N, C-alpha and C. Protein backbone atom coordinates (compact mmCIF):
# COMPACT_ATOMS: atom_id res chain seq x y z
N UNK A 1 -9.04 36.37 -1.78
CA UNK A 1 -8.47 35.36 -2.66
C UNK A 1 -8.89 35.69 -4.09
N UNK A 2 -7.94 35.70 -4.98
CA UNK A 2 -8.16 36.05 -6.37
C UNK A 2 -8.01 34.79 -7.21
N UNK A 3 -9.12 34.25 -7.71
CA UNK A 3 -9.07 33.04 -8.51
C UNK A 3 -10.03 33.17 -9.68
N UNK A 4 -9.57 32.71 -10.85
CA UNK A 4 -10.39 32.80 -12.05
C UNK A 4 -10.26 31.50 -12.82
N UNK A 5 -11.34 31.08 -13.46
CA UNK A 5 -11.36 29.89 -14.30
C UNK A 5 -11.92 30.31 -15.66
N UNK A 6 -11.14 30.07 -16.72
CA UNK A 6 -11.54 30.51 -18.06
C UNK A 6 -11.40 29.35 -19.03
N UNK A 7 -12.43 29.16 -19.86
CA UNK A 7 -12.38 28.16 -20.92
C UNK A 7 -12.47 28.86 -22.26
N UNK A 8 -11.70 28.37 -23.22
CA UNK A 8 -11.74 28.97 -24.54
C UNK A 8 -10.73 28.31 -25.47
N UNK A 9 -10.48 28.97 -26.59
CA UNK A 9 -9.54 28.47 -27.59
C UNK A 9 -8.30 29.35 -27.61
N UNK A 10 -7.16 28.73 -27.88
CA UNK A 10 -5.92 29.49 -27.99
C UNK A 10 -5.90 30.24 -29.32
N UNK A 11 -5.48 31.50 -29.27
CA UNK A 11 -5.46 32.33 -30.46
C UNK A 11 -4.22 32.16 -31.31
N UNK A 12 -3.14 31.66 -30.71
CA UNK A 12 -1.90 31.41 -31.44
C UNK A 12 -1.10 30.38 -30.67
N UNK A 13 -0.04 29.89 -31.28
CA UNK A 13 0.81 28.92 -30.61
C UNK A 13 1.48 29.58 -29.41
N UNK A 14 1.72 28.78 -28.38
CA UNK A 14 2.36 29.31 -27.18
C UNK A 14 3.80 29.70 -27.48
N UNK A 15 4.32 30.61 -26.67
CA UNK A 15 5.70 31.08 -26.82
C UNK A 15 6.47 30.80 -25.54
N UNK A 16 7.59 30.14 -25.67
CA UNK A 16 8.45 29.87 -24.51
C UNK A 16 9.48 30.98 -24.40
N UNK A 17 9.69 31.46 -23.17
CA UNK A 17 10.76 32.41 -22.90
C UNK A 17 11.30 32.08 -21.51
N UNK A 18 12.40 32.69 -21.17
CA UNK A 18 13.05 32.39 -19.89
C UNK A 18 13.34 33.70 -19.16
N UNK A 19 13.07 33.70 -17.86
CA UNK A 19 13.37 34.85 -17.02
C UNK A 19 14.88 34.97 -16.83
N UNK A 20 15.37 36.12 -16.39
CA UNK A 20 16.82 36.26 -16.18
C UNK A 20 17.42 35.22 -15.23
N UNK A 21 16.62 34.72 -14.28
CA UNK A 21 17.14 33.70 -13.37
C UNK A 21 17.06 32.29 -13.96
N UNK A 22 16.54 32.15 -15.20
CA UNK A 22 16.50 30.87 -15.89
C UNK A 22 15.17 30.14 -15.78
N UNK A 23 14.21 30.68 -15.05
CA UNK A 23 12.91 30.03 -14.92
C UNK A 23 12.14 30.10 -16.24
N UNK A 24 11.56 28.99 -16.70
CA UNK A 24 10.80 29.00 -17.95
C UNK A 24 9.42 29.62 -17.77
N UNK A 25 8.96 30.31 -18.81
CA UNK A 25 7.63 30.92 -18.83
C UNK A 25 7.01 30.62 -20.18
N UNK A 26 5.80 30.08 -20.16
CA UNK A 26 5.05 29.81 -21.38
C UNK A 26 3.92 30.83 -21.47
N UNK A 27 3.92 31.63 -22.53
CA UNK A 27 2.88 32.63 -22.72
C UNK A 27 1.95 32.25 -23.86
N UNK A 28 0.65 32.46 -23.66
CA UNK A 28 -0.33 32.18 -24.70
C UNK A 28 -1.55 33.07 -24.50
N UNK A 29 -2.31 33.26 -25.58
CA UNK A 29 -3.52 34.07 -25.51
C UNK A 29 -4.74 33.16 -25.63
N UNK A 30 -5.73 33.44 -24.81
CA UNK A 30 -6.93 32.61 -24.72
C UNK A 30 -8.15 33.45 -25.06
N UNK A 31 -8.96 32.97 -26.01
CA UNK A 31 -10.17 33.67 -26.44
C UNK A 31 -11.36 33.13 -25.66
N UNK A 32 -12.03 34.03 -24.93
CA UNK A 32 -13.22 33.68 -24.17
C UNK A 32 -14.42 34.24 -24.91
N UNK A 33 -15.08 33.38 -25.69
CA UNK A 33 -16.22 33.81 -26.48
C UNK A 33 -17.49 33.57 -25.68
N UNK A 34 -18.20 34.64 -25.38
CA UNK A 34 -19.37 34.52 -24.52
C UNK A 34 -20.67 34.42 -25.31
N UNK A 35 -20.61 34.29 -26.59
CA UNK A 35 -21.83 34.17 -27.38
C UNK A 35 -21.70 34.89 -28.71
N UNK A 36 -22.68 34.67 -29.55
CA UNK A 36 -22.64 35.21 -30.91
C UNK A 36 -22.74 36.73 -30.93
N UNK A 37 -23.57 37.31 -30.08
CA UNK A 37 -23.80 38.76 -30.11
C UNK A 37 -22.87 39.52 -29.17
N UNK A 38 -22.01 38.83 -28.43
CA UNK A 38 -21.14 39.49 -27.46
C UNK A 38 -19.69 39.43 -27.95
N UNK A 39 -18.91 40.43 -27.58
CA UNK A 39 -17.52 40.44 -28.05
C UNK A 39 -16.69 39.35 -27.37
N UNK A 40 -15.64 38.94 -28.05
CA UNK A 40 -14.70 37.96 -27.51
C UNK A 40 -13.72 38.68 -26.60
N UNK A 41 -13.46 38.11 -25.45
CA UNK A 41 -12.47 38.66 -24.53
C UNK A 41 -11.19 37.86 -24.68
N UNK A 42 -10.09 38.56 -24.89
CA UNK A 42 -8.79 37.91 -25.04
C UNK A 42 -8.03 38.03 -23.73
N UNK A 43 -7.53 36.91 -23.26
CA UNK A 43 -6.76 36.85 -22.01
C UNK A 43 -5.32 36.47 -22.32
N UNK A 44 -4.38 37.24 -21.81
CA UNK A 44 -2.97 36.88 -21.89
C UNK A 44 -2.65 36.00 -20.68
N UNK A 45 -2.14 34.82 -20.93
CA UNK A 45 -1.88 33.85 -19.86
C UNK A 45 -0.40 33.53 -19.78
N UNK A 46 0.08 33.30 -18.57
CA UNK A 46 1.48 32.91 -18.35
C UNK A 46 1.52 31.72 -17.42
N UNK A 47 2.24 30.71 -17.84
CA UNK A 47 2.44 29.48 -17.06
C UNK A 47 3.93 29.38 -16.75
N UNK A 48 4.27 29.12 -15.49
CA UNK A 48 5.67 29.15 -15.06
C UNK A 48 6.15 27.75 -14.67
N UNK A 49 7.46 27.58 -14.72
CA UNK A 49 8.10 26.38 -14.20
C UNK A 49 8.22 25.25 -15.21
N UNK A 50 8.47 24.05 -14.66
CA UNK A 50 8.68 22.86 -15.51
C UNK A 50 7.44 22.52 -16.32
N UNK A 51 6.25 22.78 -15.74
CA UNK A 51 5.02 22.49 -16.49
C UNK A 51 4.92 23.37 -17.73
N UNK A 52 5.50 24.57 -17.67
CA UNK A 52 5.50 25.45 -18.84
C UNK A 52 6.26 24.80 -19.98
N UNK A 53 7.43 24.24 -19.69
CA UNK A 53 8.22 23.57 -20.73
C UNK A 53 7.52 22.31 -21.23
N UNK A 54 6.88 21.57 -20.31
CA UNK A 54 6.23 20.33 -20.70
C UNK A 54 4.98 20.56 -21.55
N UNK A 55 4.20 21.58 -21.23
CA UNK A 55 2.93 21.80 -21.93
C UNK A 55 3.05 22.69 -23.16
N UNK A 56 4.11 23.43 -23.29
CA UNK A 56 4.24 24.37 -24.40
C UNK A 56 4.02 23.73 -25.78
N UNK A 57 4.56 22.54 -26.07
CA UNK A 57 4.32 21.96 -27.40
C UNK A 57 2.87 21.60 -27.67
N UNK A 58 2.06 21.44 -26.63
CA UNK A 58 0.67 21.03 -26.80
C UNK A 58 -0.29 22.22 -26.84
N UNK A 59 0.21 23.39 -26.49
CA UNK A 59 -0.63 24.59 -26.49
C UNK A 59 -0.49 25.27 -27.85
N UNK A 60 -1.29 24.80 -28.80
CA UNK A 60 -1.21 25.29 -30.17
C UNK A 60 -2.49 26.02 -30.55
N UNK A 61 -2.40 26.80 -31.60
CA UNK A 61 -3.53 27.60 -32.05
C UNK A 61 -4.78 26.74 -32.25
N UNK A 62 -5.91 27.21 -31.69
CA UNK A 62 -7.17 26.50 -31.84
C UNK A 62 -7.45 25.48 -30.76
N UNK A 63 -6.45 25.10 -29.98
CA UNK A 63 -6.62 24.10 -28.92
C UNK A 63 -7.59 24.64 -27.86
N UNK A 64 -8.56 23.82 -27.47
CA UNK A 64 -9.47 24.19 -26.40
C UNK A 64 -8.81 23.89 -25.07
N UNK A 65 -8.81 24.87 -24.17
CA UNK A 65 -8.22 24.68 -22.85
C UNK A 65 -9.10 25.34 -21.80
N UNK A 66 -8.93 24.90 -20.58
CA UNK A 66 -9.48 25.57 -19.41
C UNK A 66 -8.31 25.89 -18.50
N UNK A 67 -8.18 27.15 -18.10
CA UNK A 67 -7.11 27.55 -17.21
C UNK A 67 -7.70 28.02 -15.89
N UNK A 68 -6.96 27.77 -14.84
CA UNK A 68 -7.31 28.26 -13.51
C UNK A 68 -6.09 29.00 -13.01
N UNK A 69 -6.31 30.18 -12.46
CA UNK A 69 -5.19 30.95 -11.96
C UNK A 69 -5.65 32.22 -11.30
N UNK A 70 -4.71 33.12 -11.08
CA UNK A 70 -5.03 34.41 -10.46
C UNK A 70 -4.93 35.50 -11.52
N UNK A 71 -5.82 36.47 -11.42
CA UNK A 71 -5.91 37.53 -12.40
C UNK A 71 -5.11 38.74 -11.91
N UNK A 72 -4.34 39.33 -12.80
CA UNK A 72 -3.58 40.53 -12.47
C UNK A 72 -3.84 41.58 -13.55
N UNK A 73 -3.70 42.83 -13.16
CA UNK A 73 -3.88 43.94 -14.09
C UNK A 73 -2.50 44.53 -14.37
N UNK A 74 -2.21 44.74 -15.64
CA UNK A 74 -0.92 45.30 -16.03
C UNK A 74 -1.17 46.61 -16.75
N UNK A 75 -0.46 47.64 -16.33
CA UNK A 75 -0.59 48.95 -16.98
C UNK A 75 0.72 49.29 -17.65
N UNK A 76 0.61 49.90 -18.83
CA UNK A 76 1.79 50.33 -19.56
C UNK A 76 1.41 51.48 -20.47
N UNK A 77 2.42 52.10 -21.10
CA UNK A 77 2.21 53.19 -22.04
C UNK A 77 2.60 52.68 -23.43
N UNK A 78 1.70 52.83 -24.41
CA UNK A 78 1.99 52.33 -25.76
C UNK A 78 2.89 53.29 -26.52
N UNK A 79 3.16 52.98 -27.80
CA UNK A 79 4.07 53.76 -28.64
C UNK A 79 3.62 55.22 -28.79
N UNK A 80 2.30 55.42 -28.80
CA UNK A 80 1.76 56.77 -28.99
C UNK A 80 1.66 57.55 -27.69
N UNK A 81 2.13 56.99 -26.59
CA UNK A 81 2.08 57.67 -25.30
C UNK A 81 0.77 57.50 -24.56
N UNK A 82 -0.11 56.66 -25.07
CA UNK A 82 -1.41 56.43 -24.44
C UNK A 82 -1.28 55.38 -23.34
N UNK A 83 -1.86 55.63 -22.19
CA UNK A 83 -1.84 54.61 -21.13
C UNK A 83 -2.75 53.43 -21.51
N UNK A 84 -2.27 52.25 -21.29
CA UNK A 84 -3.01 51.02 -21.61
C UNK A 84 -3.10 50.14 -20.38
N UNK A 85 -4.11 49.30 -20.38
CA UNK A 85 -4.31 48.35 -19.30
C UNK A 85 -4.69 47.01 -19.91
N UNK A 86 -4.15 45.93 -19.35
CA UNK A 86 -4.56 44.60 -19.80
C UNK A 86 -4.72 43.70 -18.59
N UNK A 87 -5.61 42.73 -18.75
CA UNK A 87 -5.83 41.73 -17.70
C UNK A 87 -5.05 40.49 -18.08
N UNK A 88 -4.27 39.98 -17.16
CA UNK A 88 -3.48 38.79 -17.41
C UNK A 88 -3.79 37.74 -16.36
N UNK A 89 -3.57 36.49 -16.74
CA UNK A 89 -3.82 35.37 -15.84
C UNK A 89 -2.50 34.66 -15.57
N UNK A 90 -2.14 34.56 -14.30
CA UNK A 90 -0.99 33.74 -13.91
C UNK A 90 -1.56 32.35 -13.66
N UNK A 91 -1.29 31.44 -14.58
CA UNK A 91 -1.93 30.13 -14.61
C UNK A 91 -1.33 29.20 -13.55
N UNK A 92 -2.22 28.56 -12.80
CA UNK A 92 -1.78 27.56 -11.83
C UNK A 92 -2.15 26.15 -12.29
N UNK A 93 -3.17 26.04 -13.17
CA UNK A 93 -3.59 24.73 -13.65
C UNK A 93 -4.14 24.87 -15.07
N UNK A 94 -3.81 23.88 -15.92
CA UNK A 94 -4.27 23.87 -17.32
C UNK A 94 -4.91 22.52 -17.60
N UNK A 95 -6.06 22.54 -18.25
CA UNK A 95 -6.71 21.29 -18.69
C UNK A 95 -6.89 21.39 -20.20
N UNK A 96 -6.31 20.45 -20.93
CA UNK A 96 -6.49 20.39 -22.38
C UNK A 96 -7.85 19.78 -22.65
N UNK A 97 -8.66 20.46 -23.42
CA UNK A 97 -10.03 20.01 -23.69
C UNK A 97 -10.12 19.56 -25.14
N UNK A 98 -11.28 19.02 -25.50
CA UNK A 98 -11.51 18.62 -26.87
C UNK A 98 -10.93 17.26 -27.16
N UNK A 99 -11.05 16.85 -28.40
CA UNK A 99 -10.58 15.53 -28.81
C UNK A 99 -9.10 15.50 -29.12
N UNK A 100 -8.68 14.35 -29.59
CA UNK A 100 -7.28 14.16 -29.95
C UNK A 100 -7.00 14.95 -31.22
N UNK A 101 -5.91 15.71 -31.19
CA UNK A 101 -5.54 16.53 -32.34
C UNK A 101 -4.28 15.97 -32.97
N UNK A 102 -4.14 16.21 -34.27
CA UNK A 102 -2.91 15.80 -34.93
C UNK A 102 -1.83 16.78 -34.54
N UNK A 103 -0.69 16.26 -34.18
CA UNK A 103 0.41 17.10 -33.76
C UNK A 103 1.37 17.26 -34.93
N UNK A 104 1.58 18.50 -35.34
CA UNK A 104 2.49 18.74 -36.45
C UNK A 104 3.81 19.31 -35.96
N UNK A 105 3.79 20.03 -34.85
CA UNK A 105 5.01 20.69 -34.40
C UNK A 105 5.79 19.87 -33.39
N UNK A 106 5.13 19.10 -32.58
CA UNK A 106 5.82 18.36 -31.52
C UNK A 106 5.38 16.90 -31.50
N UNK A 107 5.80 16.13 -32.50
CA UNK A 107 5.39 14.72 -32.51
C UNK A 107 6.08 13.96 -31.38
N UNK A 108 5.38 13.00 -30.86
CA UNK A 108 5.96 12.17 -29.81
C UNK A 108 6.88 11.13 -30.45
N UNK A 109 7.97 10.83 -29.77
CA UNK A 109 8.85 9.80 -30.32
C UNK A 109 8.17 8.44 -30.28
N UNK A 110 8.48 7.56 -31.24
CA UNK A 110 7.84 6.24 -31.21
C UNK A 110 8.29 5.48 -29.98
N UNK A 111 7.44 4.62 -29.44
CA UNK A 111 7.81 3.87 -28.25
C UNK A 111 8.99 2.95 -28.53
N UNK A 112 9.86 2.84 -27.54
CA UNK A 112 11.02 1.98 -27.69
C UNK A 112 10.59 0.52 -27.59
N UNK A 113 11.15 -0.34 -28.44
CA UNK A 113 10.79 -1.77 -28.34
C UNK A 113 11.32 -2.34 -27.03
N UNK A 114 10.55 -3.25 -26.47
CA UNK A 114 10.97 -3.89 -25.23
C UNK A 114 12.10 -4.87 -25.54
N UNK A 115 13.09 -4.93 -24.66
CA UNK A 115 14.19 -5.87 -24.91
C UNK A 115 13.69 -7.30 -24.77
N UNK A 116 14.33 -8.20 -25.52
CA UNK A 116 13.95 -9.62 -25.47
C UNK A 116 14.28 -10.17 -24.08
N UNK A 117 13.42 -11.01 -23.53
CA UNK A 117 13.72 -11.56 -22.21
C UNK A 117 14.95 -12.46 -22.28
N UNK A 118 15.70 -12.55 -21.20
CA UNK A 118 16.89 -13.40 -21.22
C UNK A 118 16.48 -14.86 -21.39
N UNK A 119 17.35 -15.65 -22.02
CA UNK A 119 17.00 -17.07 -22.22
C UNK A 119 16.80 -17.75 -20.87
N UNK A 120 15.76 -18.57 -20.79
CA UNK A 120 15.41 -19.21 -19.53
C UNK A 120 16.03 -20.60 -19.37
N UNK A 121 16.59 -21.13 -20.39
CA UNK A 121 17.15 -22.47 -20.30
C UNK A 121 16.15 -23.55 -20.66
N UNK A 122 14.91 -23.18 -20.90
CA UNK A 122 13.88 -24.15 -21.23
C UNK A 122 13.53 -24.13 -22.71
N UNK A 123 14.30 -23.38 -23.50
CA UNK A 123 14.01 -23.25 -24.92
C UNK A 123 14.17 -24.57 -25.68
N UNK A 124 15.03 -25.45 -25.18
CA UNK A 124 15.30 -26.70 -25.89
C UNK A 124 14.32 -27.81 -25.53
N UNK A 125 13.41 -27.53 -24.61
CA UNK A 125 12.46 -28.56 -24.20
C UNK A 125 11.39 -28.73 -25.26
N UNK A 126 10.87 -29.89 -25.35
CA UNK A 126 9.82 -30.21 -26.29
C UNK A 126 8.53 -29.51 -25.87
N UNK A 127 7.75 -29.00 -26.82
CA UNK A 127 6.53 -28.29 -26.47
C UNK A 127 5.39 -29.24 -26.11
N UNK A 128 5.56 -30.53 -26.32
CA UNK A 128 4.51 -31.49 -25.99
C UNK A 128 4.72 -32.04 -24.59
N UNK A 129 4.66 -31.17 -23.61
CA UNK A 129 4.84 -31.59 -22.23
C UNK A 129 3.52 -32.17 -21.75
N UNK A 130 3.51 -33.39 -21.25
CA UNK A 130 2.25 -33.98 -20.78
C UNK A 130 1.85 -33.36 -19.44
N UNK A 131 0.58 -33.03 -19.32
CA UNK A 131 0.06 -32.50 -18.07
C UNK A 131 -0.93 -33.50 -17.49
N UNK A 132 -0.90 -33.61 -16.19
CA UNK A 132 -1.82 -34.52 -15.51
C UNK A 132 -3.17 -33.83 -15.39
N UNK A 133 -4.18 -34.51 -15.79
CA UNK A 133 -5.52 -33.96 -15.64
C UNK A 133 -6.03 -34.28 -14.25
N UNK A 134 -7.15 -33.76 -13.92
CA UNK A 134 -7.70 -33.97 -12.57
C UNK A 134 -8.14 -35.41 -12.41
N UNK A 135 -7.19 -36.27 -12.08
CA UNK A 135 -7.55 -37.67 -11.90
C UNK A 135 -7.39 -38.10 -10.44
N UNK A 136 -6.93 -37.16 -9.62
CA UNK A 136 -6.79 -37.49 -8.20
C UNK A 136 -7.20 -36.27 -7.39
N UNK A 137 -7.64 -36.51 -6.16
CA UNK A 137 -7.98 -35.41 -5.29
C UNK A 137 -7.66 -35.82 -3.85
N UNK A 138 -7.66 -34.90 -2.99
CA UNK A 138 -7.35 -35.16 -1.59
C UNK A 138 -8.64 -35.09 -0.81
N UNK A 139 -8.97 -36.17 -0.12
CA UNK A 139 -10.21 -36.25 0.67
C UNK A 139 -9.92 -35.68 2.05
N UNK A 140 -10.50 -34.53 2.36
CA UNK A 140 -10.25 -33.87 3.64
C UNK A 140 -10.88 -34.62 4.81
N UNK A 141 -11.92 -35.38 4.58
CA UNK A 141 -12.58 -36.07 5.68
C UNK A 141 -11.78 -37.26 6.18
N UNK A 142 -11.07 -37.92 5.28
CA UNK A 142 -10.29 -39.09 5.69
C UNK A 142 -8.79 -38.84 5.65
N UNK A 143 -8.39 -37.65 5.18
CA UNK A 143 -6.97 -37.28 5.06
C UNK A 143 -6.20 -38.26 4.18
N UNK A 144 -6.82 -38.72 3.14
CA UNK A 144 -6.17 -39.66 2.20
C UNK A 144 -6.38 -39.17 0.78
N UNK A 145 -5.39 -39.49 -0.04
CA UNK A 145 -5.53 -39.20 -1.46
C UNK A 145 -6.42 -40.24 -2.09
N UNK A 146 -7.31 -39.85 -2.92
CA UNK A 146 -8.24 -40.75 -3.57
C UNK A 146 -8.15 -40.58 -5.07
N UNK A 147 -8.46 -41.65 -5.77
CA UNK A 147 -8.54 -41.57 -7.23
C UNK A 147 -9.98 -41.29 -7.62
N UNK A 148 -10.11 -40.50 -8.66
CA UNK A 148 -11.46 -40.20 -9.13
C UNK A 148 -11.98 -41.36 -9.94
N UNK A 149 -13.24 -41.64 -9.82
CA UNK A 149 -13.86 -42.71 -10.61
C UNK A 149 -14.23 -42.16 -11.96
N UNK A 150 -13.96 -42.93 -12.96
CA UNK A 150 -14.36 -42.53 -14.32
C UNK A 150 -15.77 -42.99 -14.57
N UNK A 151 -16.49 -42.16 -15.21
CA UNK A 151 -17.88 -42.55 -15.54
C UNK A 151 -18.07 -42.72 -17.00
């Protein structure tokens, strides 16, 4: 079983793209800083499906995240003909970390006002409705209603 969990900061805003079959893919780079004297490891991450579309606006540069997924190795040849290798994470779960951030690229729409309740027919009644105070009670021992004595 190949599973990896990485926490870090996003190096740039996420990029949405679509596979030829129409499936959405959200790509982002994650910086794993292991300390002041150690180099930062950059991870290329890919999130697939509807969650990719939903989370893409929130995956912005500097955002702290924790990703869980499977690690894959990708080999390719660069422009100069040199063989290259990179480690990529196919993300299965994302947790947004840190505090609330100001959103500049994907603001949420304001909440819709609730519709007014339908008229109940009691709007024309006077607001000074008299209520009976506790002046009577039911005596369970004699099964009779009794009046309370005033003191």
